[in-house]
C-alpha atoms as a PDB file:
ATOM      1  CA  UNK A   1       0.000   0.000   0.000  1.00  0.00           C
ATOM      2  CA  UNK A   2       1.294   3.436  -0.956  1.00  0.00           C
ATOM      3  CA  UNK A   3       1.925   5.704   2.015  1.00  0.00           C
ATOM      4  CA  UNK A   4       2.115   9.498   2.091  1.00  0.00           C
ATOM      5  CA  UNK A   5       4.879  11.333   3.969  1.00  0.00           C
ATOM      6  CA  UNK A   6       5.397  15.010   4.717  1.00  0.00           C
ATOM      7  CA  UNK A   7       8.715  16.285   3.318  1.00  0.00           C
ATOM      8  CA  UNK A   8       9.682  19.758   4.560  1.00  0.00           C
ATOM      9  CA  UNK A   9      11.770  22.252   2.610  1.00  0.00           C
ATOM     10  CA  UNK A  10      12.815  25.853   3.035  1.00  0.00           C
ATOM     11  CA  UNK A  11      12.732  28.135  -0.013  1.00  0.00           C
ATOM     12  CA  UNK A  12      16.489  27.631  -0.259  1.00  0.00           C
ATOM     13  CA  UNK A  13      16.505  23.815  -0.034  1.00  0.00           C
ATOM     14  CA  UNK A  14      13.565  23.574  -2.484  1.00  0.00           C
ATOM     15  CA  UNK A  15      15.499  25.502  -5.123  1.00  0.00           C
ATOM     16  CA  UNK A  16      18.601  23.415  -4.437  1.00  0.00           C
ATOM     17  CA  UNK A  17      16.532  20.258  -4.994  1.00  0.00           C
ATOM     18  CA  UNK A  18      15.165  21.799  -8.191  1.00  0.00           C
ATOM     19  CA  UNK A  19      18.698  22.332  -9.507  1.00  0.00           C
ATOM     20  CA  UNK A  20      19.213  18.591  -9.011  1.00  0.00           C
ATOM     21  CA  UNK A  21      16.015  17.936 -11.040  1.00  0.00           C
ATOM     22  CA  UNK A  22      14.354  16.518  -7.901  1.00  0.00           C
ATOM     23  CA  UNK A  23      16.303  13.270  -8.128  1.00  0.00           C
ATOM     24  CA  UNK A  24      17.050  13.088  -4.404  1.00  0.00           C
ATOM     25  CA  UNK A  25      15.252  13.806  -1.147  1.00  0.00           C
ATOM     26  CA  UNK A  26      17.040  13.945   2.189  1.00  0.00           C
ATOM     27  CA  UNK A  27      16.401  14.151   5.913  1.00  0.00           C
ATOM     28  CA  UNK A  28      18.412  14.883   9.022  1.00  0.00           C
ATOM     29  CA  UNK A  29      20.526  12.238  10.789  1.00  0.00           C
ATOM     30  CA  UNK A  30      18.312  12.226  13.889  1.00  0.00           C
ATOM     31  CA  UNK A  31      15.286  11.204  11.769  1.00  0.00           C
ATOM     32  CA  UNK A  32      16.882   8.007  10.465  1.00  0.00           C
ATOM     33  CA  UNK A  33      14.696   5.598  12.480  1.00  0.00           C
ATOM     34  CA  UNK A  34      11.590   7.124  10.888  1.00  0.00           C
ATOM     35  CA  UNK A  35      13.142   7.551   7.441  1.00  0.00           C
ATOM     36  CA  UNK A  36      13.763   3.778   7.282  1.00  0.00           C
ATOM     37  CA  UNK A  37      10.002   3.185   7.271  1.00  0.00           C
ATOM     38  CA  UNK A  38       9.628   4.889   3.876  1.00  0.00           C
ATOM     39  CA  UNK A  39       9.366   2.371   1.032  1.00  0.00           C
ATOM     40  CA  UNK A  40       9.752   2.543  -2.760  1.00  0.00           C
ATOM     41  CA  UNK A  41       6.455   3.656  -4.259  1.00  0.00           C
ATOM     42  CA  UNK A  42       5.572   5.918  -1.326  1.00  0.00           C
ATOM     43  CA  UNK A  43       4.758   9.563  -2.066  1.00  0.00           C
ATOM     44  CA  UNK A  44       6.444  12.542  -0.415  1.00  0.00           C
ATOM     45  CA  UNK A  45       4.218  15.598   0.019  1.00  0.00           C
ATOM     46  CA  UNK A  46       6.484  18.618  -0.299  1.00  0.00           C
ATOM     47  CA  UNK A  47       5.836  21.634   1.929  1.00  0.00           C
ATOM     48  CA  UNK A  48       7.878  24.836   2.002  1.00  0.00           C
ATOM     49  CA  UNK A  49       8.231  26.393   5.429  1.00  0.00           C
ATOM     50  CA  UNK A  50       8.623  30.171   5.917  1.00  0.00           C
ATOM     51  CA  UNK A  51       6.139  30.769   3.085  1.00  0.00           C
ATOM     52  CA  UNK A  52       3.741  27.981   4.243  1.00  0.00           C
ATOM     53  CA  UNK A  53       3.021  26.406   0.851  1.00  0.00           C
ATOM     54  CA  UNK A  54       2.528  22.942  -0.620  1.00  0.00           C
ATOM     55  CA  UNK A  55       4.920  22.699  -3.535  1.00  0.00           C
ATOM     56  CA  UNK A  56       4.699  19.207  -4.993  1.00  0.00           C
ATOM     57  CA  UNK A  57       4.805  15.436  -4.715  1.00  0.00           C
ATOM     58  CA  UNK A  58       7.836  13.184  -5.190  1.00  0.00           C
ATOM     59  CA  UNK A  59       7.685   9.425  -5.710  1.00  0.00           C
ATOM     60  CA  UNK A  60      10.226   7.302  -3.842  1.00  0.00           C
ATOM     61  CA  UNK A  61      12.095   4.902  -6.148  1.00  0.00           C
ATOM     62  CA  UNK A  62      14.703   3.456  -3.770  1.00  0.00           C
ATOM     63  CA  UNK A  63      15.023   2.318  -0.198  1.00  0.00           C
ATOM     64  CA  UNK A  64      16.433   4.951   2.184  1.00  0.00           C
ATOM     65  CA  UNK A  65      20.200   4.994   2.607  1.00  0.00           C
ATOM     66  CA  UNK A  66      22.884   7.216   4.094  1.00  0.00           C
ATOM     67  CA  UNK A  67      25.154   9.164   1.774  1.00  0.00           C
ATOM     68  CA  UNK A  68      26.476  12.419   3.193  1.00  0.00           C
ATOM     69  CA  UNK A  69      28.598  13.250   0.149  1.00  0.00           C
ATOM     70  CA  UNK A  70      25.685  12.803  -2.242  1.00  0.00           C
ATOM     71  CA  UNK A  71      23.472  14.941  -0.005  1.00  0.00           C
ATOM     72  CA  UNK A  72      26.082  17.688   0.243  1.00  0.00           C
ATOM     73  CA  UNK A  73      26.273  17.871  -3.533  1.00  0.00           C
ATOM     74  CA  UNK A  74      22.614  18.946  -3.518  1.00  0.00           C
ATOM     75  CA  UNK A  75      22.173  20.946  -0.303  1.00  0.00           C
ATOM     76  CA  UNK A  76      25.007  23.383   0.246  1.00  0.00           C
ATOM     77  CA  UNK A  77      24.071  25.028   3.541  1.00  0.00           C
ATOM     78  CA  UNK A  78      22.515  22.207   5.586  1.00  0.00           C
ATOM     79  CA  UNK A  79      22.995  18.489   6.228  1.00  0.00           C
ATOM     80  CA  UNK A  80      20.462  15.838   5.115  1.00  0.00           C
ATOM     81  CA  UNK A  81      22.502  12.584   4.990  1.00  0.00           C
ATOM     82  CA  UNK A  82      19.494  10.222   5.179  1.00  0.00           C
ATOM     83  CA  UNK A  83      18.538  10.109   1.517  1.00  0.00           C
ATOM     84  CA  UNK A  84      16.447   8.260  -1.046  1.00  0.00           C
ATOM     85  CA  UNK A  85      16.171   8.422  -4.807  1.00  0.00           C
ATOM     86  CA  UNK A  86      12.955  10.020  -6.036  1.00  0.00           C
ATOM     87  CA  UNK A  87      11.288  11.162  -9.222  1.00  0.00           C
ATOM     88  CA  UNK A  88       9.029  14.221  -9.489  1.00  0.00           C
ATOM     89  CA  UNK A  89       5.272  13.709  -9.834  1.00  0.00           C
ATOM     90  CA  UNK A  90       4.297  17.364  -9.297  1.00  0.00           C
ATOM     91  CA  UNK A  91       6.732  20.208  -8.708  1.00  0.00           C
ATOM     92  CA  UNK A  92       5.635  23.837  -8.447  1.00  0.00           C
ATOM     93  CA  UNK A  93       7.628  27.037  -8.250  1.00  0.00           C
ATOM     94  CA  UNK A  94       7.026  29.564  -5.477  1.00  0.00           C
ATOM     95  CA  UNK A  95       4.386  31.515  -7.396  1.00  0.00           C
ATOM     96  CA  UNK A  96       2.330  28.409  -8.252  1.00  0.00           C
ATOM     97  CA  UNK A  97       2.773  26.507  -4.985  1.00  0.00           C
ATOM     98  CA  UNK A  98      -0.488  26.267  -3.030  1.00  0.00           C
ATOM     99  CA  UNK A  99      -0.838  28.228   0.244  1.00  0.00           C
ATOM    100  CA  UNK A 100      -1.542  26.202   3.372  1.00  0.00           C
ATOM    101  CA  UNK A 101      -4.750  28.183   3.891  1.00  0.00           C
ATOM    102  CA  UNK A 102      -6.156  26.605   0.703  1.00  0.00           C
ATOM    103  CA  UNK A 103      -5.599  23.058   1.953  1.00  0.00           C
ATOM    104  CA  UNK A 104      -5.205  22.605   5.728  1.00  0.00           C
ATOM    105  CA  UNK A 105      -8.834  23.314   6.671  1.00  0.00           C
ATOM    106  CA  UNK A 106      -9.952  20.486   4.353  1.00  0.00           C
ATOM    107  CA  UNK A 107      -7.833  17.851   6.131  1.00  0.00           C
ATOM    108  CA  UNK A 108      -8.792  15.510   8.964  1.00  0.00           C
ATOM    109  CA  UNK A 109      -5.492  16.451  10.647  1.00  0.00           C
ATOM    110  CA  UNK A 110      -6.136  20.204  10.520  1.00  0.00           C
ATOM    111  CA  UNK A 111      -6.144  20.528  14.312  1.00  0.00           C
ATOM    112  CA  UNK A 112      -2.803  18.707  14.570  1.00  0.00           C
ATOM    113  CA  UNK A 113      -1.067  20.483  11.689  1.00  0.00           C
ATOM    114  CA  UNK A 114       0.990  22.790  13.897  1.00  0.00           C
ATOM    115  CA  UNK A 115       2.681  19.770  15.472  1.00  0.00           C
ATOM    116  CA  UNK A 116       3.016  17.728  12.279  1.00  0.00           C
ATOM    117  CA  UNK A 117       4.776  20.518  10.384  1.00  0.00           C
ATOM    118  CA  UNK A 118       7.505  20.844  13.022  1.00  0.00           C
ATOM    119  CA  UNK A 119       9.589  18.058  11.480  1.00  0.00           C
ATOM    120  CA  UNK A 120       9.827  15.552   8.645  1.00  0.00           C
ATOM    121  CA  UNK A 121       9.309  12.921   7.555  1.00  0.00           C
ATOM    122  CA  UNK A 122       5.880  12.600   9.143  1.00  0.00           C
ATOM    123  CA  UNK A 123       3.299  10.128   7.923  1.00  0.00           C
ATOM    124  CA  UNK A 124       0.112  11.575   6.418  1.00  0.00           C
ATOM    125  CA  UNK A 125      -2.976   9.360   6.374  1.00  0.00           C
ATOM    126  CA  UNK A 126      -4.281   8.167   3.007  1.00  0.00           C
ATOM    127  CA  UNK A 127      -7.436  10.297   3.088  1.00  0.00           C
ATOM    128  CA  UNK A 128      -5.516  13.527   3.637  1.00  0.00           C
ATOM    129  CA  UNK A 129      -2.765  12.484   1.241  1.00  0.00           C
ATOM    130  CA  UNK A 130      -5.319  11.981  -1.523  1.00  0.00           C
ATOM    131  CA  UNK A 131      -6.914  15.373  -0.789  1.00  0.00           C
ATOM    132  CA  UNK A 132      -3.568  17.176  -1.000  1.00  0.00           C
ATOM    133  CA  UNK A 133      -2.581  15.283  -4.154  1.00  0.00           C
ATOM    134  CA  UNK A 134      -5.877  16.129  -5.874  1.00  0.00           C
ATOM    135  CA  UNK A 135      -5.617  19.842  -5.019  1.00  0.00           C
ATOM    136  CA  UNK A 136      -2.025  20.022  -6.250  1.00  0.00           C
ATOM    137  CA  UNK A 137      -2.917  18.188  -9.472  1.00  0.00           C
ATOM    138  CA  UNK A 138      -5.815  20.553 -10.187  1.00  0.00           C
ATOM    139  CA  UNK A 139      -3.715  23.623  -9.379  1.00  0.00           C
ATOM    140  CA  UNK A 140      -0.881  22.451 -11.631  1.00  0.00           C
ATOM    141  CA  UNK A 141      -3.315  21.646 -14.456  1.00  0.00           C
ATOM    142  CA  UNK A 142      -4.949  25.075 -14.268  1.00  0.00           C
ATOM    143  CA  UNK A 143      -1.603  26.821 -13.728  1.00  0.00           C
ATOM    144  CA  UNK A 144      -3.033  28.817 -10.811  1.00  0.00           C
ATOM    145  CA  UNK A 145      -0.866  31.622  -9.442  1.00  0.00           C
ATOM    146  CA  UNK A 146      -0.826  32.612  -5.771  1.00  0.00           C
ATOM    147  CA  UNK A 147       0.977  35.948  -5.301  1.00  0.00           C
ATOM    148  CA  UNK A 148       3.670  35.904  -2.643  1.00  0.00           C
ATOM    149  CA  UNK A 149       3.372  38.257   0.310  1.00  0.00           C
ATOM    150  CA  UNK A 150       6.787  37.327   1.709  1.00  0.00           C
ATOM    151  CA  UNK A 151      10.272  37.700   0.296  1.00  0.00           C
ATOM    152  CA  UNK A 152      11.613  34.351  -0.862  1.00  0.00           C
ATOM    153  CA  UNK A 153      15.226  33.584  -0.020  1.00  0.00           C
ATOM    154  CA  UNK A 154      16.967  31.959  -2.951  1.00  0.00           C
ATOM    155  CA  UNK A 155      19.989  29.698  -2.571  1.00  0.00           C
ATOM    156  CA  UNK A 156      23.496  31.087  -2.495  1.00  0.00           C
ATOM    157  CA  UNK A 157      25.389  31.056  -5.767  1.00  0.00           C
ATOM    158  CA  UNK A 158      28.420  29.361  -4.192  1.00  0.00           C
ATOM    159  CA  UNK A 159      29.128  26.659  -1.605  1.00  0.00           C
ATOM    160  CA  UNK A 160      29.887  29.073   1.211  1.00  0.00           C
ATOM    161  CA  UNK A 161      27.315  29.954   3.842  1.00  0.00           C
ATOM    162  CA  UNK A 162      26.533  33.633   3.468  1.00  0.00           C
ATOM    163  CA  UNK A 163      26.450  35.698   6.624  1.00  0.00           C
ATOM    164  CA  UNK A 164      23.218  37.563   7.215  1.00  0.00           C
ATOM    165  CA  UNK A 165      22.892  40.758   9.208  1.00  0.00           C
ATOM    166  CA  UNK A 166      20.562  40.741  12.175  1.00  0.00           C
ATOM    167  CA  UNK A 167      17.228  42.443  11.537  1.00  0.00           C
ATOM    168  CA  UNK A 168      15.433  44.305  14.339  1.00  0.00           C
ATOM    169  CA  UNK A 169      11.919  45.513  14.950  1.00  0.00           C
ATOM    170  CA  UNK A 170      11.029  49.125  15.667  1.00  0.00           C
ATOM    171  CA  UNK A 171      12.675  50.498  18.831  1.00  0.00           C
ATOM    172  CA  UNK A 172      10.297  50.351  21.803  1.00  0.00           C
ATOM    173  CA  UNK A 173      12.664  50.267  24.834  1.00  0.00           C
ATOM    174  CA  UNK A 174       9.997  48.588  26.919  1.00  0.00           C
ATOM    175  CA  UNK A 175      11.017  46.889  30.185  1.00  0.00           C
ATOM    176  CA  UNK A 176      14.324  45.635  28.846  1.00  0.00           C
ATOM    177  CA  UNK A 177      13.008  44.749  25.387  1.00  0.00           C
ATOM    178  CA  UNK A 178      14.795  47.137  23.014  1.00  0.00           C
ATOM    179  CA  UNK A 179      12.884  46.300  19.833  1.00  0.00           C
ATOM    180  CA  UNK A 180       9.413  45.182  18.782  1.00  0.00           C
ATOM    181  CA  UNK A 181       8.886  41.464  18.052  1.00  0.00           C
ATOM    182  CA  UNK A 182       9.387  40.183  14.518  1.00  0.00           C
ATOM    183  CA  UNK A 183       8.136  36.642  15.105  1.00  0.00           C
ATOM    184  CA  UNK A 184       6.087  34.388  17.367  1.00  0.00           C
ATOM    185  CA  UNK A 185       8.935  33.850  19.847  1.00  0.00           C
ATOM    186  CA  UNK A 186       9.158  37.594  20.358  1.00  0.00           C
ATOM    187  CA  UNK A 187       5.419  37.697  21.080  1.00  0.00           C
ATOM    188  CA  UNK A 188       5.763  34.960  23.712  1.00  0.00           C
ATOM    189  CA  UNK A 189       8.632  36.805  25.405  1.00  0.00           C
ATOM    190  CA  UNK A 190       6.738  40.097  25.488  1.00  0.00           C
ATOM    191  CA  UNK A 191       3.607  38.404  26.823  1.00  0.00           C
ATOM    192  CA  UNK A 192       5.683  36.883  29.636  1.00  0.00           C
ATOM    193  CA  UNK A 193       6.874  40.371  30.591  1.00  0.00           C
ATOM    194  CA  UNK A 194       3.394  41.854  30.891  1.00  0.00           C
ATOM    195  CA  UNK A 195       1.183  38.850  31.715  1.00  0.00           C
ATOM    196  CA  UNK A 196       0.689  39.902  35.332  1.00  0.00           C
ATOM    197  CA  UNK A 197      -0.174  43.467  34.341  1.00  0.00           C
ATOM    198  CA  UNK A 198      -2.867  42.130  32.037  1.00  0.00           C
ATOM    199  CA  UNK A 199      -4.342  39.877  34.707  1.00  0.00           C
ATOM    200  CA  UNK A 200      -2.953  36.530  33.554  1.00  0.00           C
ATOM    201  CA  UNK A 201      -1.299  33.709  35.473  1.00  0.00           C
ATOM    202  CA  UNK A 202       0.378  31.180  33.187  1.00  0.00           C
ATOM    203  CA  UNK A 203      -0.186  27.528  34.075  1.00  0.00           C
ATOM    204  CA  UNK A 204       1.748  25.861  31.229  1.00  0.00           C
ATOM    205  CA  UNK A 205       3.350  26.555  27.844  1.00  0.00           C
ATOM    206  CA  UNK A 206       4.032  23.765  25.344  1.00  0.00           C
ATOM    207  CA  UNK A 207       4.626  22.984  21.681  1.00  0.00           C
ATOM    208  CA  UNK A 208       1.212  21.489  20.897  1.00  0.00           C
ATOM    209  CA  UNK A 209      -1.945  23.405  20.025  1.00  0.00           C
ATOM    210  CA  UNK A 210      -2.921  25.491  21.862  1.00  0.00           C
ATOM    211  CA  UNK A 211       0.412  26.934  23.009  1.00  0.00           C
ATOM    212  CA  UNK A 212      -0.548  28.074  26.495  1.00  0.00           C
ATOM    213  CA  UNK A 213      -2.930  27.367  29.357  1.00  0.00           C
ATOM    214  CA  UNK A 214      -3.492  30.176  31.817  1.00  0.00           C
ATOM    215  CA  UNK A 215      -6.001  31.664  34.218  1.00  0.00           C
ATOM    216  CA  UNK A 216      -7.265  35.213  33.721  1.00  0.00           C
ATOM    217  CA  UNK A 217      -8.839  37.491  36.232  1.00  0.00           C
ATOM    218  CA  UNK A 218     -12.378  38.446  35.321  1.00  0.00           C
ATOM    219  CA  UNK A 219     -12.468  42.224  35.038  1.00  0.00           C
ATOM    220  CA  UNK A 220     -13.590  44.121  38.172  1.00  0.00           C
ATOM    221  CA  UNK A 221     -13.990  40.976  40.273  1.00  0.00           C
ATOM    222  CA  UNK A 222     -12.061  38.520  42.417  1.00  0.00           C
ATOM    223  CA  UNK A 223     -12.972  35.624  40.126  1.00  0.00           C
ATOM    224  CA  UNK A 224     -10.676  33.885  37.637  1.00  0.00           C
ATOM    225  CA  UNK A 225     -11.338  31.895  34.462  1.00  0.00           C
ATOM    226  CA  UNK A 226      -9.296  29.202  32.716  1.00  0.00           C
ATOM    227  CA  UNK A 227      -8.221  30.186  29.215  1.00  0.00           C
ATOM    228  CA  UNK A 228      -6.348  28.531  26.331  1.00  0.00           C
ATOM    229  CA  UNK A 229      -4.014  30.770  24.318  1.00  0.00           C
ATOM    230  CA  UNK A 230      -2.371  30.472  20.893  1.00  0.00           C
ATOM    231  CA  UNK A 231       0.570  32.780  20.160  1.00  0.00           C
ATOM    232  CA  UNK A 232       1.004  34.234  16.674  1.00  0.00           C
ATOM    233  CA  UNK A 233       2.962  37.150  15.235  1.00  0.00           C
ATOM    234  CA  UNK A 234      -0.070  38.229  13.163  1.00  0.00           C
ATOM    235  CA  UNK A 235      -3.576  37.186  14.156  1.00  0.00           C
ATOM    236  CA  UNK A 236      -4.180  35.998  10.576  1.00  0.00           C
ATOM    237  CA  UNK A 237      -1.366  33.440  10.995  1.00  0.00           C
ATOM    238  CA  UNK A 238      -3.794  31.450  13.148  1.00  0.00           C
ATOM    239  CA  UNK A 239      -5.881  30.769  10.041  1.00  0.00           C
ATOM    240  CA  UNK A 240      -2.813  30.283   7.851  1.00  0.00           C
ATOM    241  CA  UNK A 241      -1.477  27.578  10.180  1.00  0.00           C
ATOM    242  CA  UNK A 242      -4.758  25.688   9.918  1.00  0.00           C
ATOM    243  CA  UNK A 243      -5.714  25.866  13.596  1.00  0.00           C
ATOM    244  CA  UNK A 244      -9.345  25.024  14.446  1.00  0.00           C
ATOM    245  CA  UNK A 245     -11.753  27.555  15.919  1.00  0.00           C
ATOM    246  CA  UNK A 246     -12.516  25.177  18.788  1.00  0.00           C
ATOM    247  CA  UNK A 247      -9.919  24.634  21.500  1.00  0.00           C
ATOM    248  CA  UNK A 248      -8.592  28.189  21.689  1.00  0.00           C
ATOM    249  CA  UNK A 249     -10.062  31.054  23.712  1.00  0.00           C
ATOM    250  CA  UNK A 250      -7.581  33.813  22.901  1.00  0.00           C
ATOM    251  CA  UNK A 251      -5.052  34.683  20.203  1.00  0.00           C
ATOM    252  CA  UNK A 252      -2.125  36.691  21.570  1.00  0.00           C
ATOM    253  CA  UNK A 253      -0.290  38.437  18.737  1.00  0.00           C
ATOM    254  CA  UNK A 254       1.780  41.496  17.947  1.00  0.00           C
ATOM    255  CA  UNK A 255      -0.557  42.909  15.298  1.00  0.00           C
ATOM    256  CA  UNK A 256      -4.228  42.149  14.717  1.00  0.00           C
ATOM    257  CA  UNK A 257      -4.894  41.949  10.956  1.00  0.00           C
ATOM    258  CA  UNK A 258      -7.731  39.406  10.820  1.00  0.00           C
ATOM    259  CA  UNK A 259     -10.870  41.553  10.837  1.00  0.00           C
ATOM    260  CA  UNK A 260     -13.340  38.650  10.697  1.00  0.00           C
ATOM    261  CA  UNK A 261     -11.557  36.670  13.413  1.00  0.00           C
ATOM    262  CA  UNK A 262     -14.144  34.658  15.421  1.00  0.00           C
ATOM    263  CA  UNK A 263     -11.798  34.345  18.413  1.00  0.00           C
ATOM    264  CA  UNK A 264     -10.898  36.985  20.979  1.00  0.00           C
ATOM    265  CA  UNK A 265      -7.599  38.692  20.088  1.00  0.00           C
ATOM    266  CA  UNK A 266      -5.055  40.435  22.310  1.00  0.00           C
ATOM    267  CA  UNK A 267      -2.748  42.647  20.193  1.00  0.00           C
ATOM    268  CA  UNK A 268       0.343  43.429  22.261  1.00  0.00           C
ATOM    269  CA  UNK A 269       1.373  46.342  20.031  1.00  0.00           C
ATOM    270  CA  UNK A 270      -1.676  48.182  21.333  1.00  0.00           C
ATOM    271  CA  UNK A 271      -1.657  46.999  24.947  1.00  0.00           C
ATOM    272  CA  UNK A 272       1.920  48.026  25.697  1.00  0.00           C
ATOM    273  CA  UNK A 273       0.943  51.610  24.905  1.00  0.00           C
ATOM    274  CA  UNK A 274      -1.344  51.478  27.932  1.00  0.00           C
ATOM    275  CA  UNK A 275       1.614  50.256  29.971  1.00  0.00           C
ATOM    276  CA  UNK A 276       3.899  53.158  29.068  1.00  0.00           C
ATOM    277  CA  UNK A 277       5.658  51.968  25.928  1.00  0.00           C
END
């Protein structure tokens, strides 16, 4: 029986694989025990992180094996020594790759997607694999374009890792935080700084959806309520990541850009103004 597997790429590693005509797929050394379960005939569902897009399907044509030299000939800036020979079934460029928001909500694993996309390979059930394959086939056939809202990083032109200058958010000089957050981790850190001021007591933070469990003081009372929180840089990322409406009581973000959001939103960029930023 053919099995589907999630195969993660960055924009850089996807273009490096393209230059090799998608003849090889590779995974990290610490994933070897899982990689060995992939069999010839299985299908790899390709997903590009950073831009959150499904980019193609590769068919496995060999058993997995380790070949660091072969992997390094393809991927210049990272190590994926657990490899297998593949042939392309569908391969899309950045402009034609399908955004996660077009697919995730249709899957049975939508609620678990945030955990599944944290590493690869990860097995995808047949029902969801068929759904993804059908959507990618239709998109490729119709040559549908999805404009990019993010800058895509292309691979370096040589074998040397290029140094990148640190990028900072706007200066805010707020309680030891010099600059505004630029990502979800920055949002979590800022929330930790001001949680007490906002009436929260954090019970637990984890890596599964939702990110945080806390209790919140009910305004103008001595009563508290339990609340489940998901952290995002933009509130609209909640939808982009395929999270369900159920199971989350509050989205904590830096900027609120999802006007029709059915969940309560706490935008830290606005709240810190009330706290003297």
